[in-house]
Amino acid sequence: MGERQLQTDPDMIAEVDLHENAVYVVCQGKLQIVDTPPTGYGTQLIYWREGKPTHSEIGFTQKFG
């Protein structure tokens, strides 16, 4: 998942920029941005284990013309 961590406070409240298109995952008290497909077109698949997100798979589509 994305390397970028978002700012959180001790009360476990996070702020996100609603002007930015993004997908977020909360895992172990941390808010993480899921990487976007490199071409701008594609899929983001989140895998779960025992009720917790564990990893993601990013696929992309290459458009012609």
N, C-alpha and C. Protein backbone atom coordinates (compact mmCIF):
# COMPACT_ATOMS: atom_id res chain seq x y z
N MET A 1 0.83 -1.17 0.00
CA MET A 1 0.00 0.00 0.00
C MET A 1 0.87 1.23 0.00
N GLY A 2 0.25 2.36 -0.22
CA GLY A 2 1.01 3.59 -0.37
C GLY A 2 1.94 3.86 0.80
N GLU A 3 3.10 4.39 0.47
CA GLU A 3 4.08 4.73 1.49
C GLU A 3 3.67 5.95 2.29
N ARG A 4 2.82 6.77 1.73
CA ARG A 4 2.45 8.02 2.35
C ARG A 4 1.52 7.77 3.53
N GLN A 5 1.90 8.24 4.70
CA GLN A 5 1.06 8.16 5.89
C GLN A 5 0.40 9.51 6.12
N LEU A 6 -0.83 9.49 6.58
CA LEU A 6 -1.55 10.73 6.82
C LEU A 6 -1.42 11.12 8.27
N GLN A 7 -1.57 12.41 8.51
CA GLN A 7 -1.44 12.96 9.86
C GLN A 7 -2.59 12.48 10.74
N THR A 8 -2.27 11.93 11.91
CA THR A 8 -3.28 11.54 12.88
C THR A 8 -2.94 12.15 14.22
N ASP A 9 -3.93 12.22 15.11
CA ASP A 9 -3.67 12.73 16.45
C ASP A 9 -3.88 11.62 17.47
N PRO A 10 -3.52 11.84 18.74
CA PRO A 10 -3.62 10.80 19.75
C PRO A 10 -5.05 10.29 19.97
N ASP A 11 -6.07 11.06 19.61
CA ASP A 11 -7.45 10.63 19.76
C ASP A 11 -7.91 9.75 18.60
N MET A 12 -6.97 9.36 17.72
CA MET A 12 -7.24 8.50 16.57
C MET A 12 -8.19 9.16 15.57
N ILE A 13 -8.02 10.45 15.37
CA ILE A 13 -8.78 11.19 14.38
C ILE A 13 -7.82 11.58 13.27
N ALA A 14 -8.22 11.31 12.03
CA ALA A 14 -7.37 11.66 10.88
C ALA A 14 -8.13 12.61 9.98
N GLU A 15 -7.40 13.45 9.29
CA GLU A 15 -8.00 14.35 8.32
C GLU A 15 -7.58 13.91 6.93
N VAL A 16 -8.54 13.94 6.00
CA VAL A 16 -8.24 13.63 4.61
C VAL A 16 -8.65 14.81 3.75
N ASP A 17 -7.96 15.00 2.64
CA ASP A 17 -8.26 16.07 1.70
C ASP A 17 -9.37 15.61 0.78
N LEU A 18 -10.55 16.18 0.91
CA LEU A 18 -11.69 15.77 0.10
C LEU A 18 -11.61 16.28 -1.33
N HIS A 19 -10.58 17.07 -1.65
CA HIS A 19 -10.37 17.53 -3.01
C HIS A 19 -9.48 16.56 -3.79
N GLU A 20 -8.91 15.59 -3.10
CA GLU A 20 -8.03 14.59 -3.72
C GLU A 20 -8.78 13.29 -3.90
N ASN A 21 -8.80 12.77 -5.14
CA ASN A 21 -9.38 11.45 -5.38
C ASN A 21 -8.43 10.40 -4.84
N ALA A 22 -8.91 9.55 -3.93
CA ALA A 22 -8.04 8.56 -3.31
C ALA A 22 -8.87 7.45 -2.67
N VAL A 23 -8.21 6.33 -2.43
CA VAL A 23 -8.79 5.21 -1.68
C VAL A 23 -7.93 5.05 -0.44
N TYR A 24 -8.59 4.92 0.71
CA TYR A 24 -7.88 4.82 1.98
C TYR A 24 -8.19 3.50 2.66
N VAL A 25 -7.23 2.99 3.42
CA VAL A 25 -7.41 1.79 4.24
C VAL A 25 -6.97 2.14 5.66
N VAL A 26 -7.77 1.73 6.62
CA VAL A 26 -7.38 1.87 8.02
C VAL A 26 -6.93 0.49 8.49
N CYS A 27 -5.69 0.39 8.94
CA CYS A 27 -5.13 -0.88 9.40
C CYS A 27 -4.28 -0.62 10.63
N GLN A 28 -4.60 -1.29 11.71
CA GLN A 28 -3.87 -1.18 12.98
C GLN A 28 -3.76 0.28 13.42
N GLY A 29 -4.86 1.01 13.29
CA GLY A 29 -4.90 2.39 13.75
C GLY A 29 -4.22 3.40 12.87
N LYS A 30 -3.78 2.98 11.68
CA LYS A 30 -3.11 3.90 10.76
C LYS A 30 -3.92 4.02 9.47
N LEU A 31 -4.06 5.25 8.99
CA LEU A 31 -4.74 5.51 7.74
C LEU A 31 -3.70 5.54 6.63
N GLN A 32 -3.90 4.69 5.61
CA GLN A 32 -2.95 4.61 4.51
C GLN A 32 -3.68 4.85 3.19
N ILE A 33 -3.03 5.52 2.27
CA ILE A 33 -3.56 5.70 0.93
C ILE A 33 -3.14 4.50 0.09
N VAL A 34 -4.10 3.92 -0.63
CA VAL A 34 -3.79 2.81 -1.53
C VAL A 34 -3.23 3.41 -2.82
N ASP A 35 -2.13 2.84 -3.32
CA ASP A 35 -1.52 3.33 -4.55
C ASP A 35 -2.53 3.32 -5.69
N THR A 36 -2.40 4.29 -6.58
CA THR A 36 -3.26 4.34 -7.76
C THR A 36 -2.59 3.59 -8.91
N PRO A 37 -3.39 3.10 -9.86
CA PRO A 37 -2.79 2.47 -11.04
C PRO A 37 -1.90 3.49 -11.76
N PRO A 38 -0.71 3.09 -12.20
CA PRO A 38 0.25 4.05 -12.77
C PRO A 38 -0.24 4.77 -14.02
N THR A 39 -1.15 4.15 -14.78
CA THR A 39 -1.64 4.79 -16.00
C THR A 39 -2.89 5.63 -15.75
N GLY A 40 -3.43 5.53 -14.54
CA GLY A 40 -4.67 6.24 -14.24
C GLY A 40 -5.91 5.40 -14.50
N TYR A 41 -5.75 4.25 -15.14
CA TYR A 41 -6.84 3.32 -15.40
C TYR A 41 -6.46 1.98 -14.83
N GLY A 42 -7.37 1.35 -14.09
CA GLY A 42 -7.05 0.02 -13.58
C GLY A 42 -7.87 -0.36 -12.37
N THR A 43 -7.30 -1.25 -11.56
CA THR A 43 -8.01 -1.79 -10.40
C THR A 43 -7.14 -1.72 -9.15
N GLN A 44 -7.81 -1.67 -8.01
CA GLN A 44 -7.15 -1.75 -6.71
C GLN A 44 -7.87 -2.84 -5.94
N LEU A 45 -7.18 -3.93 -5.66
CA LEU A 45 -7.77 -5.07 -4.97
C LEU A 45 -7.17 -5.15 -3.58
N ILE A 46 -8.02 -5.15 -2.55
CA ILE A 46 -7.56 -5.22 -1.17
C ILE A 46 -7.79 -6.64 -0.65
N TYR A 47 -6.77 -7.26 -0.09
CA TYR A 47 -6.88 -8.59 0.50
C TYR A 47 -7.05 -8.48 2.01
N TRP A 48 -7.91 -9.31 2.54
CA TRP A 48 -8.22 -9.32 3.98
C TRP A 48 -7.88 -10.68 4.57
N ARG A 49 -7.48 -10.68 5.83
CA ARG A 49 -7.24 -11.92 6.57
C ARG A 49 -7.65 -11.68 8.02
N GLU A 50 -8.50 -12.54 8.52
CA GLU A 50 -8.98 -12.46 9.89
C GLU A 50 -9.54 -11.08 10.22
N GLY A 51 -10.30 -10.52 9.27
CA GLY A 51 -10.97 -9.24 9.48
C GLY A 51 -10.10 -8.01 9.36
N LYS A 52 -8.86 -8.17 8.87
CA LYS A 52 -7.95 -7.03 8.73
C LYS A 52 -7.40 -6.98 7.31
N PRO A 53 -7.27 -5.76 6.74
CA PRO A 53 -6.64 -5.67 5.42
C PRO A 53 -5.15 -6.01 5.54
N THR A 54 -4.67 -6.85 4.63
CA THR A 54 -3.28 -7.29 4.72
C THR A 54 -2.39 -6.74 3.61
N HIS A 55 -2.92 -6.66 2.39
CA HIS A 55 -2.12 -6.13 1.29
C HIS A 55 -3.03 -5.78 0.12
N SER A 56 -2.46 -5.12 -0.86
CA SER A 56 -3.24 -4.74 -2.04
C SER A 56 -2.53 -5.20 -3.30
N GLU A 57 -3.33 -5.33 -4.35
CA GLU A 57 -2.81 -5.66 -5.67
C GLU A 57 -3.30 -4.58 -6.62
N ILE A 58 -2.39 -3.93 -7.32
CA ILE A 58 -2.74 -2.84 -8.21
C ILE A 58 -2.56 -3.33 -9.65
N GLY A 59 -3.63 -3.26 -10.44
CA GLY A 59 -3.57 -3.63 -11.85
C GLY A 59 -3.84 -2.40 -12.68
N PHE A 60 -3.36 -2.38 -13.91
CA PHE A 60 -3.61 -1.21 -14.75
C PHE A 60 -4.01 -1.62 -16.16
N THR A 61 -4.65 -0.71 -16.83
CA THR A 61 -5.09 -0.90 -18.20
C THR A 61 -4.35 0.09 -19.07
N GLN A 62 -3.85 -0.37 -20.18
CA GLN A 62 -3.17 0.51 -21.12
C GLN A 62 -4.14 0.84 -22.24
N LYS A 63 -4.42 2.12 -22.42
CA LYS A 63 -5.34 2.54 -23.47
C LYS A 63 -4.55 2.91 -24.73
N PHE A 64 -5.10 2.58 -25.87
CA PHE A 64 -4.48 2.93 -27.16
C PHE A 64 -5.30 4.01 -27.84
N GLY A 65 -4.59 4.94 -28.47
CA GLY A 65 -5.23 5.97 -29.27
C GLY A 65 -5.96 6.93 -28.52
